[in-house]
Amino acid sequence: MKLQRNSRPYKIMKYVLVGGGILMLSFIAPGASAKIIKGIIDDYSRKKKFQREKFVRDLKRLKERQLINYQELADGRIRITLTKRGKKESLVYNLDTITLNTQRWDGKWRLVIFDIPHPKKRAREALRAKLKMLGFYPIQKSVFLTPYECEKEIDFICSVFEIREHVLILYISKFEGEEKFKNHFNLS
């Protein structure tokens, strides 16, 4: 059974991946955790109180499925580690070396558009640079085009920069002037 996208267990797996396969959480002072852990804490907080039981229950489910191992340490921290199976079933990307699979084109164009607010200007610029690095064609400052599947990669990049809610992927089968882009991407 596949993890449901944006479920709490899915997010735990995603944050463990972003953390390099190992994550240490402190329940003594959960608010003092690193920025990457803030997303997990927010998912398990209700009325400003961290719901430890719900979190541990989700950890146990992931462990039963052999996706993670976790250990409660004497100092109140929990160490979460991806298993081999968890790594295989998860998105395993490195932000510096991420690439798109450009082997085949399915006939659909992907138009990535974003409107990222000014307080997240650095994330906006980083996304723009990543899209260019991945070979997207810049149509406008916040509109990029590619003929290749990119959904998982965009999800990963956006989760790292915490901007997913500001990014859309549109799927287009045909548009005016597409011959220019077919030539750019060497498509027939």
Protein backbone atom coordinates (compact mmCIF):
# COMPACT_ATOMS: atom_id res chain seq x y z
CA MET A 1 0.00 0.00 0.00
CA LYS A 2 1.39 3.34 -1.06
CA LEU A 3 1.61 6.30 1.30
CA GLN A 4 -1.09 8.85 0.58
CA ARG A 5 0.42 12.11 -0.65
CA ASN A 6 0.44 14.88 1.98
CA SER A 7 -0.65 12.51 4.75
CA ARG A 8 1.23 12.87 8.05
CA PRO A 9 3.25 9.64 7.50
CA TYR A 10 4.13 10.79 3.96
CA LYS A 11 5.40 14.07 5.37
CA ILE A 12 7.49 12.25 7.98
CA MET A 13 9.15 10.25 5.18
CA LYS A 14 9.68 13.42 3.13
CA TYR A 15 11.32 15.28 6.01
CA VAL A 16 13.54 12.31 6.86
CA LEU A 17 14.67 12.25 3.22
CA VAL A 18 15.35 15.99 3.19
CA GLY A 19 17.32 15.45 6.40
CA GLY A 20 19.62 13.01 4.61
CA GLY A 21 17.93 9.81 5.77
CA ILE A 22 18.30 10.47 9.52
CA LEU A 23 16.23 12.82 11.66
CA MET A 24 16.57 13.61 15.35
CA LEU A 25 13.54 15.07 17.15
CA SER A 26 13.42 16.48 20.63
CA PHE A 27 10.13 16.33 22.50
CA ILE A 28 11.51 18.20 25.47
CA ALA A 29 11.73 21.41 23.43
CA PRO A 30 10.08 20.67 20.05
CA GLY A 31 9.86 24.37 19.18
CA ALA A 32 13.64 24.65 19.31
CA SER A 33 14.10 22.04 16.55
CA ALA A 34 15.66 22.83 13.22
CA LYS A 35 13.60 24.51 10.50
CA ILE A 36 13.18 21.24 8.59
CA ILE A 37 11.51 19.64 11.62
CA LYS A 38 9.10 22.57 12.05
CA GLY A 39 6.87 21.09 9.33
CA ILE A 40 6.49 17.84 11.26
CA ILE A 41 5.82 19.65 14.52
CA ASP A 42 3.18 21.83 12.85
CA ASP A 43 1.40 18.72 11.50
CA TYR A 44 1.19 17.22 14.97
CA SER A 45 0.33 20.36 16.92
CA ARG A 46 -3.14 21.22 18.11
CA LYS A 47 -3.91 24.28 20.17
CA LYS A 48 -0.15 24.92 20.43
CA LYS A 49 0.42 21.52 22.05
CA PHE A 50 2.47 18.81 20.37
CA GLN A 51 0.50 15.54 20.10
CA ARG A 52 3.24 13.04 20.83
CA GLU A 53 0.95 9.98 20.89
CA LYS A 54 -0.33 10.61 17.37
CA PHE A 55 3.22 11.12 16.11
CA VAL A 56 4.50 7.90 17.74
CA ARG A 57 1.50 5.98 16.34
CA ASP A 58 2.39 7.15 12.80
CA LEU A 59 6.04 6.21 13.42
CA LYS A 60 4.96 2.70 14.49
CA ARG A 61 2.92 2.31 11.29
CA LEU A 62 5.88 3.32 9.15
CA LYS A 63 8.09 0.90 11.10
CA GLU A 64 5.58 -1.95 10.64
CA ARG A 65 5.77 -1.32 6.89
CA GLN A 66 9.57 -1.50 7.20
CA LEU A 67 10.02 2.02 5.80
CA ILE A 68 11.77 3.49 8.85
CA ASN A 69 13.44 2.52 12.10
CA TYR A 70 13.10 4.73 15.12
CA GLN A 71 14.55 4.74 18.58
CA GLU A 72 13.49 6.75 21.62
CA LEU A 73 16.66 7.97 23.35
CA ALA A 74 17.09 8.49 27.10
CA ASP A 75 17.35 12.28 26.71
CA GLY A 76 13.82 12.51 25.21
CA ARG A 77 14.87 12.65 21.58
CA ILE A 78 13.72 10.26 18.86
CA ARG A 79 16.10 9.13 16.14
CA ILE A 80 14.33 8.27 12.85
CA THR A 81 16.25 6.43 10.13
CA LEU A 82 15.12 5.34 6.68
CA THR A 83 15.43 1.62 5.95
CA LYS A 84 16.66 0.26 2.61
CA ARG A 85 13.06 -0.39 1.64
CA GLY A 86 12.09 3.14 2.72
CA LYS A 87 14.80 4.60 0.52
CA LYS A 88 13.64 2.56 -2.46
CA GLU A 89 10.01 3.56 -2.04
CA SER A 90 10.77 7.22 -1.37
CA LEU A 91 11.91 10.08 -3.47
CA VAL A 92 15.65 10.03 -3.11
CA TYR A 93 16.97 13.27 -4.49
CA ASN A 94 19.94 15.43 -3.80
CA LEU A 95 19.13 19.10 -4.39
CA ASP A 96 22.55 19.68 -5.94
CA THR A 97 22.46 16.76 -8.40
CA ILE A 98 18.73 16.44 -9.19
CA THR A 99 17.94 15.86 -12.87
CA LEU A 100 14.92 15.16 -15.08
CA ASN A 101 14.49 11.98 -17.07
CA THR A 102 14.80 13.24 -20.64
CA GLN A 103 14.72 9.80 -22.31
CA ARG A 104 11.26 10.08 -23.80
CA TRP A 105 8.50 12.60 -24.35
CA ASP A 106 4.89 11.60 -23.67
CA GLY A 107 3.46 14.37 -25.88
CA LYS A 108 2.50 16.62 -22.96
CA TRP A 109 4.11 19.88 -22.02
CA ARG A 110 4.57 20.90 -18.40
CA LEU A 111 4.19 24.58 -17.66
CA VAL A 112 5.47 25.49 -14.20
CA ILE A 113 4.16 28.81 -12.97
CA PHE A 114 4.71 30.44 -9.61
CA ASP A 115 3.82 33.54 -7.64
CA ILE A 116 6.07 33.48 -4.60
CA PRO A 117 5.64 36.40 -2.17
CA HIS A 118 8.42 38.89 -1.55
CA PRO A 119 9.31 37.62 1.96
CA LYS A 120 10.37 34.38 0.26
CA LYS A 121 12.46 36.14 -2.40
CA ARG A 122 15.50 33.90 -1.84
CA ALA A 123 13.40 30.77 -2.33
CA ARG A 124 11.92 32.29 -5.51
CA GLU A 125 15.37 33.00 -6.92
CA ALA A 126 16.61 29.54 -5.91
CA LEU A 127 13.62 27.88 -7.63
CA ARG A 128 14.23 29.93 -10.77
CA ALA A 129 17.91 28.87 -10.79
CA LYS A 130 16.99 25.19 -10.23
CA LEU A 131 14.47 25.23 -13.08
CA LYS A 132 17.09 26.67 -15.43
CA MET A 133 19.62 24.09 -14.23
CA LEU A 134 17.10 21.31 -14.97
CA GLY A 135 16.73 22.56 -18.54
CA PHE A 136 13.35 24.25 -18.29
CA TYR A 137 12.75 26.96 -20.90
CA PRO A 138 11.99 30.35 -19.27
CA ILE A 139 8.93 31.85 -20.96
CA GLN A 140 8.65 34.67 -18.40
CA LYS A 141 10.28 35.33 -15.02
CA SER A 142 7.84 33.01 -13.25
CA VAL A 143 6.75 30.74 -16.12
CA PHE A 144 8.89 27.80 -17.24
CA LEU A 145 8.27 25.05 -19.81
CA THR A 146 9.52 21.47 -20.20
CA PRO A 147 8.29 18.47 -22.19
CA TYR A 148 9.49 16.00 -19.57
CA GLU A 149 7.88 14.55 -16.44
CA CYS A 150 8.92 16.72 -13.52
CA GLU A 151 6.22 16.44 -10.87
CA LYS A 152 8.24 14.53 -8.27
CA GLU A 153 11.26 16.75 -8.75
CA ILE A 154 9.18 19.94 -8.44
CA ASP A 155 7.51 18.57 -5.29
CA PHE A 156 10.91 17.83 -3.77
CA ILE A 157 12.43 21.22 -4.66
CA CYS A 158 9.37 23.08 -3.42
CA SER A 159 9.31 21.15 -0.15
CA VAL A 160 12.96 22.01 0.49
CA PHE A 161 12.29 25.72 -0.14
CA GLU A 162 8.86 25.55 1.59
CA ILE A 163 7.00 27.12 -1.35
CA ARG A 164 4.80 24.32 -2.73
CA GLU A 165 1.58 26.28 -2.19
CA HIS A 166 2.88 29.02 -4.53
CA VAL A 167 3.75 26.74 -7.48
CA LEU A 168 1.45 25.22 -10.11
CA ILE A 169 2.16 22.66 -12.81
CA LEU A 170 -0.10 22.87 -15.86
CA TYR A 171 -0.30 20.07 -18.44
CA ILE A 172 -0.69 21.19 -22.06
CA SER A 173 -1.11 18.96 -25.10
CA LYS A 174 -0.85 21.63 -27.81
CA PHE A 175 -0.26 25.36 -28.04
CA GLU A 176 0.50 28.04 -30.61
CA GLY A 177 4.19 28.22 -31.49
CA GLU A 178 5.11 24.86 -30.02
CA GLU A 179 7.33 24.02 -33.02
CA LYS A 180 9.91 26.51 -31.70
CA PHE A 181 10.02 24.62 -28.40
CA LYS A 182 10.09 21.20 -30.08
CA ASN A 183 13.23 22.40 -31.89
CA HIS A 184 14.69 23.78 -28.66
CA PHE A 185 14.23 20.45 -26.88
CA ASN A 186 15.19 18.40 -29.98
CA LEU A 187 11.80 16.67 -30.16
CA SER A 188 10.36 15.31 -33.38
